[in-house]
Amino acid sequence: MSKTSDTPMKSPAPRGLKQNMTRAALGLAVFAIVTAGVVAVTQITTADTIVKNERAAQSAALAEIIPPSLHDNELLDDTFALPPSRVLGLTTADTGWRATMDGKTVAILLPVVTGKGYSGDIRLLVGIRADGSIAGVRAVKHSETPGLGDKIEARKSGWIHEFDDQTLSSVKWKVNKDGGDFDQFTGATITPRAVVGAVRQALIYFMAHRTALLAGDSETLTATKRVKKEAPEPTASSPPDGIALPENSTTPVGAAIPAGAATSKKTASDAKASASPEHSGDNAHE
């Protein structure tokens, strides 16, 4: 009798199946190599175009805040380095811009970021004139709720223009709901509240570093930052040493507004909005 094994022998894969698997693997490898090559070539050939488009978009945004008629320099080329700043919400170094006329700075533009938005960080550009008044504010990046929080965009509503010409002392830097002078949105208070706070922080930073900012003096700004590592950077509740902030910038809501200050922006329409059923639905966004 012939001997037989107790363990069944594994039958070899058919030769045709192995060839098919090999061909499929080679095909995928070739496809991956070709795709990677196409992507690389596309990136190289379009890099200049992307840079030009980004520069054009950035130039347009800056021009909305500081119109070309108010300066004679090229804004995009007149920059200065900003060190990381808790006041501005900058975790890394960033860039500021100067607008000059006949060699004299008429305004600067500061980036400011707030993490207090409803859907994450909101990045703003704040234009501040040499006299400390706001030339304009634009929301340049955010993820706020469409139809609610996105009204901070100039193309969605005129709300962002409430900051135009304001100073630290001209208004109460809170939304109406908190006793301030800035409108909130129906059904959305968190977003405008965050933006109002961020713009105010930009003004506080400007007051603390006015001379260096107007001169575009990056070395002084950075050196000041190094010195202040031993002391906390000024915040809304802790104004910078030597900077006398306007009274109502640090006092509780309800403090007297300086004479000549902009009057409250509450209008009949605001009162109507406050009384409306929609307004009572703020919690839907909050």
C-alpha atoms as a PDB file:
ATOM      1  CA  MET A   1       0.000   0.000   0.000  1.00  0.00           C
ATOM      2  CA  SER A   2       1.240   3.544  -0.737  1.00  0.00           C
ATOM      3  CA  LYS A   3       1.613   6.066   2.120  1.00  0.00           C
ATOM      4  CA  THR A   4      -0.651   9.143   2.163  1.00  0.00           C
ATOM      5  CA  SER A   5      -0.259  12.422   4.202  1.00  0.00           C
ATOM      6  CA  ASP A   6      -2.835  13.292   6.927  1.00  0.00           C
ATOM      7  CA  THR A   7      -2.538  17.067   5.989  1.00  0.00           C
ATOM      8  CA  PRO A   8      -4.225  17.985   2.742  1.00  0.00           C
ATOM      9  CA  MET A   9      -1.780  19.509   0.267  1.00  0.00           C
ATOM     10  CA  LYS A  10      -2.451  23.151  -0.739  1.00  0.00           C
ATOM     11  CA  SER A  11      -3.072  23.293  -4.393  1.00  0.00           C
ATOM     12  CA  PRO A  12      -0.911  25.858  -6.255  1.00  0.00           C
ATOM     13  CA  ALA A  13      -2.617  28.931  -7.686  1.00  0.00           C
ATOM     14  CA  PRO A  14      -3.385  28.662 -11.321  1.00  0.00           C
ATOM     15  CA  ARG A  15      -0.629  30.146 -13.461  1.00  0.00           C
ATOM     16  CA  GLY A  16      -3.045  32.431 -15.285  1.00  0.00           C
ATOM     17  CA  LEU A  17      -4.197  34.033 -12.017  1.00  0.00           C
ATOM     18  CA  LYS A  18      -0.637  34.917 -11.007  1.00  0.00           C
ATOM     19  CA  GLN A  19       0.002  36.555 -14.338  1.00  0.00           C
ATOM     20  CA  ASN A  20      -3.169  38.636 -14.044  1.00  0.00           C
ATOM     21  CA  MET A  21      -2.230  39.834 -10.543  1.00  0.00           C
ATOM     22  CA  THR A  22       1.251  40.774 -11.717  1.00  0.00           C
ATOM     23  CA  ARG A  23      -0.100  42.730 -14.656  1.00  0.00           C
ATOM     24  CA  ALA A  24      -2.597  44.559 -12.400  1.00  0.00           C
ATOM     25  CA  ALA A  25       0.147  45.507  -9.927  1.00  0.00           C
ATOM     26  CA  LEU A  26       2.374  46.805 -12.702  1.00  0.00           C
ATOM     27  CA  GLY A  27      -0.526  48.766 -14.149  1.00  0.00           C
ATOM     28  CA  LEU A  28      -1.250  50.456 -10.798  1.00  0.00           C
ATOM     29  CA  ALA A  29       2.411  51.312 -10.342  1.00  0.00           C
ATOM     30  CA  VAL A  30       2.638  52.911 -13.780  1.00  0.00           C
ATOM     31  CA  PHE A  31      -0.595  54.831 -13.162  1.00  0.00           C
ATOM     32  CA  ALA A  32       0.723  56.171  -9.819  1.00  0.00           C
ATOM     33  CA  ILE A  33       4.016  57.255 -11.387  1.00  0.00           C
ATOM     34  CA  VAL A  34       2.293  58.999 -14.289  1.00  0.00           C
ATOM     35  CA  THR A  35      -0.212  60.733 -11.971  1.00  0.00           C
ATOM     36  CA  ALA A  36       2.525  61.964  -9.634  1.00  0.00           C
ATOM     37  CA  GLY A  37       4.459  63.268 -12.614  1.00  0.00           C
ATOM     38  CA  VAL A  38       1.456  65.143 -13.988  1.00  0.00           C
ATOM     39  CA  VAL A  39       0.747  66.734 -10.587  1.00  0.00           C
ATOM     40  CA  ALA A  40       4.385  67.777 -10.213  1.00  0.00           C
ATOM     41  CA  VAL A  41       4.517  69.294 -13.688  1.00  0.00           C
ATOM     42  CA  THR A  42       1.212  71.105 -13.107  1.00  0.00           C
ATOM     43  CA  GLN A  43       2.452  72.596  -9.840  1.00  0.00           C
ATOM     44  CA  ILE A  44       5.681  73.780 -11.432  1.00  0.00           C
ATOM     45  CA  THR A  45       4.031  75.313 -14.488  1.00  0.00           C
ATOM     46  CA  THR A  46       1.236  77.041 -12.509  1.00  0.00           C
ATOM     47  CA  ALA A  47       3.254  78.219  -9.494  1.00  0.00           C
ATOM     48  CA  ASP A  48       3.872  81.672 -10.949  1.00  0.00           C
ATOM     49  CA  THR A  49       0.226  82.059 -11.934  1.00  0.00           C
ATOM     50  CA  ILE A  50      -0.934  81.067  -8.446  1.00  0.00           C
ATOM     51  CA  VAL A  51       1.428  83.581  -6.838  1.00  0.00           C
ATOM     52  CA  LYS A  52       0.222  86.329  -9.196  1.00  0.00           C
ATOM     53  CA  ASN A  53      -3.436  85.530  -8.490  1.00  0.00           C
ATOM     54  CA  GLU A  54      -2.882  85.501  -4.726  1.00  0.00           C
ATOM     55  CA  ARG A  55      -1.039  88.810  -4.964  1.00  0.00           C
ATOM     56  CA  ALA A  56      -3.877  90.323  -6.993  1.00  0.00           C
ATOM     57  CA  ALA A  57      -6.510  89.093  -4.510  1.00  0.00           C
ATOM     58  CA  GLN A  58      -4.504  90.405  -1.581  1.00  0.00           C
ATOM     59  CA  SER A  59      -3.970  93.737  -3.308  1.00  0.00           C
ATOM     60  CA  ALA A  60      -7.707  94.045  -3.937  1.00  0.00           C
ATOM     61  CA  ALA A  61      -8.484  93.343  -0.268  1.00  0.00           C
ATOM     62  CA  LEU A  62      -5.979  95.937   0.897  1.00  0.00           C
ATOM     63  CA  ALA A  63      -7.295  98.451  -1.629  1.00  0.00           C
ATOM     64  CA  GLU A  64     -10.817  98.032  -0.211  1.00  0.00           C
ATOM     65  CA  ILE A  65      -9.567  99.181   3.173  1.00  0.00           C
ATOM     66  CA  ILE A  66      -7.092 101.843   2.024  1.00  0.00           C
ATOM     67  CA  PRO A  67      -8.222 103.190  -1.388  1.00  0.00           C
ATOM     68  CA  PRO A  68      -5.430 103.971  -3.881  1.00  0.00           C
ATOM     69  CA  SER A  69      -6.378 107.656  -3.755  1.00  0.00           C
ATOM     70  CA  LEU A  70      -5.155 107.848  -0.144  1.00  0.00           C
ATOM     71  CA  HIS A  71      -1.604 106.612  -0.714  1.00  0.00           C
ATOM     72  CA  ASP A  72       1.105 106.772  -3.365  1.00  0.00           C
ATOM     73  CA  ASN A  73       3.095 103.642  -2.497  1.00  0.00           C
ATOM     74  CA  GLU A  74       2.581 100.032  -3.495  1.00  0.00           C
ATOM     75  CA  LEU A  75       0.924  98.490  -0.456  1.00  0.00           C
ATOM     76  CA  LEU A  76       1.984  94.945  -1.191  1.00  0.00           C
ATOM     77  CA  ASP A  77       5.641  95.982  -1.349  1.00  0.00           C
ATOM     78  CA  ASP A  78       5.639  98.168   1.776  1.00  0.00           C
ATOM     79  CA  THR A  79       5.521  95.533   4.482  1.00  0.00           C
ATOM     80  CA  PHE A  80       6.965  95.014   7.928  1.00  0.00           C
ATOM     81  CA  ALA A  81       7.381  91.909  10.027  1.00  0.00           C
ATOM     82  CA  LEU A  82       5.179  91.344  13.041  1.00  0.00           C
ATOM     83  CA  PRO A  83       6.327  89.021  15.825  1.00  0.00           C
ATOM     84  CA  PRO A  84       3.862  86.517  17.311  1.00  0.00           C
ATOM     85  CA  SER A  85       1.379  88.357  19.507  1.00  0.00           C
ATOM     86  CA  ARG A  86      -1.327  87.236  21.900  1.00  0.00           C
ATOM     87  CA  VAL A  87      -3.031  90.612  21.516  1.00  0.00           C
ATOM     88  CA  LEU A  88      -3.364  90.131  17.767  1.00  0.00           C
ATOM     89  CA  GLY A  89      -3.983  86.394  18.092  1.00  0.00           C
ATOM     90  CA  LEU A  90      -0.881  85.609  16.013  1.00  0.00           C
ATOM     91  CA  THR A  91       0.824  82.369  17.007  1.00  0.00           C
ATOM     92  CA  THR A  92       3.595  82.875  14.441  1.00  0.00           C
ATOM     93  CA  ALA A  93       5.301  85.829  12.826  1.00  0.00           C
ATOM     94  CA  ASP A  94       3.139  87.628  10.290  1.00  0.00           C
ATOM     95  CA  THR A  95       3.117  90.609   7.958  1.00  0.00           C
ATOM     96  CA  GLY A  96       1.761  94.130   8.288  1.00  0.00           C
ATOM     97  CA  TRP A  97       1.468  96.793   5.594  1.00  0.00           C
ATOM     98  CA  ARG A  98       2.018 100.556   5.464  1.00  0.00           C
ATOM     99  CA  ALA A  99       0.174 103.084   3.331  1.00  0.00           C
ATOM    100  CA  THR A 100       2.223 106.210   2.737  1.00  0.00           C
ATOM    101  CA  MET A 101       1.715 109.524   1.006  1.00  0.00           C
ATOM    102  CA  ASP A 102       4.777 111.617   0.110  1.00  0.00           C
ATOM    103  CA  GLY A 103       6.848 109.330   2.328  1.00  0.00           C
ATOM    104  CA  LYS A 104       4.642 109.822   5.382  1.00  0.00           C
ATOM    105  CA  THR A 105       2.652 106.921   6.821  1.00  0.00           C
ATOM    106  CA  VAL A 106      -1.058 107.619   6.620  1.00  0.00           C
ATOM    107  CA  ALA A 107      -2.272 104.191   7.756  1.00  0.00           C
ATOM    108  CA  ILE A 108      -1.185 100.665   8.553  1.00  0.00           C
ATOM    109  CA  LEU A 109      -2.908  97.338   8.075  1.00  0.00           C
ATOM    110  CA  LEU A 110      -2.673  94.668  10.728  1.00  0.00           C
ATOM    111  CA  PRO A 111      -3.697  91.005  10.579  1.00  0.00           C
ATOM    112  CA  VAL A 112      -5.650  89.875  13.628  1.00  0.00           C
ATOM    113  CA  VAL A 113      -7.039  86.441  14.441  1.00  0.00           C
ATOM    114  CA  THR A 114      -9.705  85.525  16.959  1.00  0.00           C
ATOM    115  CA  GLY A 115     -10.432  81.978  18.051  1.00  0.00           C
ATOM    116  CA  LYS A 116     -13.761  82.997  19.564  1.00  0.00           C
ATOM    117  CA  GLY A 117     -15.808  82.534  16.420  1.00  0.00           C
ATOM    118  CA  TYR A 118     -18.713  80.103  16.297  1.00  0.00           C
ATOM    119  CA  SER A 119     -16.922  77.757  13.876  1.00  0.00           C
ATOM    120  CA  GLY A 120     -13.256  78.358  14.583  1.00  0.00           C
ATOM    121  CA  ASP A 121     -10.728  81.055  13.864  1.00  0.00           C
ATOM    122  CA  ILE A 122     -11.700  84.271  12.131  1.00  0.00           C
ATOM    123  CA  ARG A 123      -8.899  86.145  10.366  1.00  0.00           C
ATOM    124  CA  LEU A 124      -9.306  89.870   9.825  1.00  0.00           C
ATOM    125  CA  LEU A 125      -7.395  92.723   8.272  1.00  0.00           C
ATOM    126  CA  VAL A 126      -7.704  95.948  10.237  1.00  0.00           C
ATOM    127  CA  GLY A 127      -6.680  99.247   8.664  1.00  0.00           C
ATOM    128  CA  ILE A 128      -5.777 101.927  11.208  1.00  0.00           C
ATOM    129  CA  ARG A 129      -5.007 105.522  10.317  1.00  0.00           C
ATOM    130  CA  ALA A 130      -2.061 107.356  11.873  1.00  0.00           C
ATOM    131  CA  ASP A 131      -4.465 109.172  14.209  1.00  0.00           C
ATOM    132  CA  GLY A 132      -5.736 105.884  15.657  1.00  0.00           C
ATOM    133  CA  SER A 133      -9.046 105.764  13.811  1.00  0.00           C
ATOM    134  CA  ILE A 134     -10.105 102.729  11.830  1.00  0.00           C
ATOM    135  CA  ALA A 135      -9.870 103.038   8.058  1.00  0.00           C
ATOM    136  CA  GLY A 136     -11.669  99.739   7.481  1.00  0.00           C
ATOM    137  CA  VAL A 137     -11.970  96.107   8.480  1.00  0.00           C
ATOM    138  CA  ARG A 138     -12.349  93.029   6.308  1.00  0.00           C
ATOM    139  CA  ALA A 139     -12.889  89.385   7.172  1.00  0.00           C
ATOM    140  CA  VAL A 140     -10.422  87.493   4.994  1.00  0.00           C
ATOM    141  CA  LYS A 141     -10.854  83.947   6.310  1.00  0.00           C
ATOM    142  CA  HIS A 142     -13.459  82.211   8.451  1.00  0.00           C
ATOM    143  CA  SER A 143     -15.758  79.189   8.669  1.00  0.00           C
ATOM    144  CA  GLU A 144     -18.806  80.860  10.177  1.00  0.00           C
ATOM    145  CA  THR A 145     -22.319  79.630   9.488  1.00  0.00           C
ATOM    146  CA  PRO A 146     -23.575  80.595   6.009  1.00  0.00           C
ATOM    147  CA  GLY A 147     -26.527  82.952   6.252  1.00  0.00           C
ATOM    148  CA  LEU A 148     -25.748  83.836   9.882  1.00  0.00           C
ATOM    149  CA  GLY A 149     -22.145  84.390  10.883  1.00  0.00           C
ATOM    150  CA  ASP A 150     -20.908  85.047   7.370  1.00  0.00           C
ATOM    151  CA  LYS A 151     -22.548  88.484   7.477  1.00  0.00           C
ATOM    152  CA  ILE A 152     -19.161  89.697   8.717  1.00  0.00           C
ATOM    153  CA  GLU A 153     -18.132  89.631   5.044  1.00  0.00           C
ATOM    154  CA  ALA A 154     -18.480  92.976   3.287  1.00  0.00           C
ATOM    155  CA  ARG A 155     -20.077  91.289   0.283  1.00  0.00           C
ATOM    156  CA  LYS A 156     -22.775  89.697   2.462  1.00  0.00           C
ATOM    157  CA  SER A 157     -23.836  92.696   4.539  1.00  0.00           C
ATOM    158  CA  GLY A 158     -22.769  96.184   5.507  1.00  0.00           C
ATOM    159  CA  TRP A 159     -22.187  95.259   9.151  1.00  0.00           C
ATOM    160  CA  ILE A 160     -18.384  95.338   8.918  1.00  0.00           C
ATOM    161  CA  HIS A 161     -18.575  99.042   8.039  1.00  0.00           C
ATOM    162  CA  GLU A 162     -19.762  99.810  11.581  1.00  0.00           C
ATOM    163  CA  PHE A 163     -16.057  99.906  12.480  1.00  0.00           C
ATOM    164  CA  ASP A 164     -15.214 102.640   9.967  1.00  0.00           C
ATOM    165  CA  ASP A 165     -13.759 105.763  11.602  1.00  0.00           C
ATOM    166  CA  GLN A 166     -14.144 104.408  15.141  1.00  0.00           C
ATOM    167  CA  THR A 167     -11.446 104.759  17.784  1.00  0.00           C
ATOM    168  CA  LEU A 168     -10.933 103.132  21.160  1.00  0.00           C
ATOM    169  CA  SER A 169     -12.856 105.961  22.814  1.00  0.00           C
ATOM    170  CA  SER A 170     -15.601 106.612  20.293  1.00  0.00           C
ATOM    171  CA  VAL A 171     -17.846 103.639  21.077  1.00  0.00           C
ATOM    172  CA  LYS A 172     -18.488 100.940  23.627  1.00  0.00           C
ATOM    173  CA  TRP A 173     -16.633  97.956  22.197  1.00  0.00           C
ATOM    174  CA  LYS A 174     -19.326  95.345  22.703  1.00  0.00           C
ATOM    175  CA  VAL A 175     -22.381  94.218  20.799  1.00  0.00           C
ATOM    176  CA  ASN A 176     -25.773  95.695  21.686  1.00  0.00           C
ATOM    177  CA  LYS A 177     -26.764  92.540  23.524  1.00  0.00           C
ATOM    178  CA  ASP A 178     -23.821  93.032  25.896  1.00  0.00           C
ATOM    179  CA  GLY A 179     -24.524  96.737  26.352  1.00  0.00           C
ATOM    180  CA  GLY A 180     -22.206  97.962  23.593  1.00  0.00           C
ATOM    181  CA  ASP A 181     -22.672  99.958  20.398  1.00  0.00           C
ATOM    182  CA  PHE A 182     -22.299  97.279  17.724  1.00  0.00           C
ATOM    183  CA  ASP A 183     -25.215  95.383  16.265  1.00  0.00           C
ATOM    184  CA  GLN A 184     -25.380  91.629  16.548  1.00  0.00           C
ATOM    185  CA  PHE A 185     -27.012  89.455  13.915  1.00  0.00           C
ATOM    186  CA  THR A 186     -30.454  87.990  14.311  1.00  0.00           C
ATOM    187  CA  GLY A 187     -29.851  84.475  15.554  1.00  0.00           C
ATOM    188  CA  ALA A 188     -26.083  84.961  15.738  1.00  0.00           C
ATOM    189  CA  THR A 189     -24.303  86.834  18.480  1.00  0.00           C
ATOM    190  CA  ILE A 190     -21.095  84.871  18.945  1.00  0.00           C
ATOM    191  CA  THR A 191     -19.552  85.815  15.601  1.00  0.00           C
ATOM    192  CA  PRO A 192     -20.005  89.607  15.787  1.00  0.00           C
ATOM    193  CA  ARG A 193     -18.998  89.528  19.445  1.00  0.00           C
ATOM    194  CA  ALA A 194     -15.721  87.830  18.478  1.00  0.00           C
ATOM    195  CA  VAL A 195     -15.040  90.283  15.653  1.00  0.00           C
ATOM    196  CA  VAL A 196     -15.725  93.337  17.819  1.00  0.00           C
ATOM    197  CA  GLY A 197     -13.294  92.031  20.422  1.00  0.00           C
ATOM    198  CA  ALA A 198     -10.611  91.280  17.841  1.00  0.00           C
ATOM    199  CA  VAL A 199     -10.808  94.713  16.213  1.00  0.00           C
ATOM    200  CA  ARG A 200     -10.543  96.348  19.617  1.00  0.00           C
ATOM    201  CA  GLN A 201      -7.446  94.254  20.332  1.00  0.00           C
ATOM    202  CA  ALA A 202      -5.894  95.528  17.098  1.00  0.00           C
ATOM    203  CA  LEU A 203      -6.452  99.106  18.258  1.00  0.00           C
ATOM    204  CA  ILE A 204      -4.893  98.314  21.634  1.00  0.00           C
ATOM    205  CA  TYR A 205      -1.842  96.839  19.875  1.00  0.00           C
ATOM    206  CA  PHE A 206      -1.589  99.932  17.684  1.00  0.00           C
ATOM    207  CA  MET A 207      -1.665 102.217  20.726  1.00  0.00           C
ATOM    208  CA  ALA A 208       1.055 100.170  22.417  1.00  0.00           C
ATOM    209  CA  HIS A 209       3.379 100.151  19.381  1.00  0.00           C
ATOM    210  CA  ARG A 210       2.245 103.218  17.430  1.00  0.00           C
ATOM    211  CA  THR A 211       5.669 104.741  16.734  1.00  0.00           C
ATOM    212  CA  ALA A 212       7.264 101.491  15.563  1.00  0.00           C
ATOM    213  CA  LEU A 213       4.222 100.528  13.487  1.00  0.00           C
ATOM    214  CA  LEU A 214       4.027 103.864  11.670  1.00  0.00           C
ATOM    215  CA  ALA A 215       7.748 103.609  10.940  1.00  0.00           C
ATOM    216  CA  GLY A 216       7.421  99.998   9.822  1.00  0.00           C
ATOM    217  CA  ASP A 217      10.174  99.264  12.342  1.00  0.00           C
ATOM    218  CA  SER A 218      10.168  95.472  12.538  1.00  0.00           C
ATOM    219  CA  GLU A 219      13.357  95.359  14.624  1.00  0.00           C
ATOM    220  CA  THR A 220      11.811  97.443  17.397  1.00  0.00           C
ATOM    221  CA  LEU A 221       8.600  95.420  17.320  1.00  0.00           C
ATOM    222  CA  THR A 222      10.568  92.194  17.624  1.00  0.00           C
ATOM    223  CA  ALA A 223      12.888  93.596  20.285  1.00  0.00           C
ATOM    224  CA  THR A 224       9.898  94.802  22.275  1.00  0.00           C
ATOM    225  CA  LYS A 225       8.431  91.353  22.034  1.00  0.00           C
ATOM    226  CA  ARG A 226      11.641  89.828  23.418  1.00  0.00           C
ATOM    227  CA  VAL A 227      11.651  92.225  26.367  1.00  0.00           C
ATOM    228  CA  LYS A 228       8.026  91.502  27.136  1.00  0.00           C
ATOM    229  CA  LYS A 229       8.650  87.796  27.428  1.00  0.00           C
ATOM    230  CA  GLU A 230       9.386  88.515  31.062  1.00  0.00           C
ATOM    231  CA  ALA A 231       6.210  90.542  31.424  1.00  0.00           C
ATOM    232  CA  PRO A 232       2.759  89.678  30.047  1.00  0.00           C
ATOM    233  CA  GLU A 233       1.809  91.365  26.799  1.00  0.00           C
ATOM    234  CA  PRO A 234      -0.959  93.928  27.251  1.00  0.00           C
ATOM    235  CA  THR A 235      -4.470  92.606  26.935  1.00  0.00           C
ATOM    236  CA  ALA A 236      -7.895  94.143  27.040  1.00  0.00           C
ATOM    237  CA  SER A 237      -7.966  93.799  30.828  1.00  0.00           C
ATOM    238  CA  SER A 238      -4.312  94.714  31.227  1.00  0.00           C
ATOM    239  CA  PRO A 239      -3.400  97.788  29.157  1.00  0.00           C
ATOM    240  CA  PRO A 240       0.259  98.261  28.199  1.00  0.00           C
ATOM    241  CA  ASP A 241       2.556 100.189  30.460  1.00  0.00           C
ATOM    242  CA  GLY A 242       2.705 103.829  29.562  1.00  0.00           C
ATOM    243  CA  ILE A 243      -0.388 103.606  27.362  1.00  0.00           C
ATOM    244  CA  ALA A 244      -3.372 105.483  28.668  1.00  0.00           C
ATOM    245  CA  LEU A 245      -6.300 103.666  27.171  1.00  0.00           C
ATOM    246  CA  PRO A 246      -9.543 105.542  26.812  1.00  0.00           C
ATOM    247  CA  GLU A 247     -11.741 105.330  29.847  1.00  0.00           C
ATOM    248  CA  ASN A 248     -14.501 103.279  28.340  1.00  0.00           C
ATOM    249  CA  SER A 249     -12.071 100.777  26.855  1.00  0.00           C
ATOM    250  CA  THR A 250     -11.437  99.199  30.222  1.00  0.00           C
ATOM    251  CA  THR A 251     -14.311 100.322  32.378  1.00  0.00           C
ATOM    252  CA  PRO A 252     -17.500  98.299  32.580  1.00  0.00           C
ATOM    253  CA  VAL A 253     -20.240  98.820  30.094  1.00  0.00           C
ATOM    254  CA  GLY A 254     -22.287 101.791  31.078  1.00  0.00           C
ATOM    255  CA  ALA A 255     -19.362 104.125  31.705  1.00  0.00           C
ATOM    256  CA  ALA A 256     -19.795 107.616  30.338  1.00  0.00           C
ATOM    257  CA  ILE A 257     -18.901 108.052  26.687  1.00  0.00           C
ATOM    258  CA  PRO A 258     -16.496 110.932  26.020  1.00  0.00           C
ATOM    259  CA  ALA A 259     -18.010 114.052  24.530  1.00  0.00           C
ATOM    260  CA  GLY A 260     -18.086 113.926  20.777  1.00  0.00           C
ATOM    261  CA  ALA A 261     -17.973 110.195  20.722  1.00  0.00           C
ATOM    262  CA  ALA A 262     -20.046 108.401  18.185  1.00  0.00           C
ATOM    263  CA  THR A 263     -23.550 107.917  19.436  1.00  0.00           C
ATOM    264  CA  SER A 264     -24.985 104.531  20.016  1.00  0.00           C
ATOM    265  CA  LYS A 265     -25.897 102.751  16.818  1.00  0.00           C
ATOM    266  CA  LYS A 266     -29.151 101.532  18.279  1.00  0.00           C
ATOM    267  CA  THR A 267     -31.947 102.455  15.976  1.00  0.00           C
ATOM    268  CA  ALA A 268     -35.620 101.781  15.698  1.00  0.00           C
ATOM    269  CA  SER A 269     -34.808  98.783  13.555  1.00  0.00           C
ATOM    270  CA  ASP A 270     -32.542  97.430  16.293  1.00  0.00           C
ATOM    271  CA  ALA A 271     -35.336  97.721  18.821  1.00  0.00           C
ATOM    272  CA  LYS A 272     -37.650  95.958  16.409  1.00  0.00           C
ATOM    273  CA  ALA A 273     -35.107  93.185  15.919  1.00  0.00           C
ATOM    274  CA  SER A 274     -34.669  92.808  19.676  1.00  0.00           C
ATOM    275  CA  ALA A 275     -38.394  92.403  20.130  1.00  0.00           C
ATOM    276  CA  SER A 276     -38.918  90.049  17.243  1.00  0.00           C
ATOM    277  CA  PRO A 277     -39.381  86.298  17.704  1.00  0.00           C
ATOM    278  CA  GLU A 278     -36.378  85.698  15.411  1.00  0.00           C
ATOM    279  CA  HIS A 279     -34.088  87.655  17.682  1.00  0.00           C
ATOM    280  CA  SER A 280     -35.089  85.484  20.625  1.00  0.00           C
ATOM    281  CA  GLY A 281     -33.701  82.551  18.689  1.00  0.00           C
ATOM    282  CA  ASP A 282     -30.061  83.591  19.187  1.00  0.00           C
ATOM    283  CA  ASN A 283     -29.373  80.372  20.976  1.00  0.00           C
ATOM    284  CA  ALA A 284     -29.822  78.564  17.677  1.00  0.00           C
ATOM    285  CA  HIS A 285     -26.404  79.918  16.716  1.00  0.00           C
ATOM    286  CA  GLU A 286     -24.932  80.303  20.159  1.00  0.00           C
END
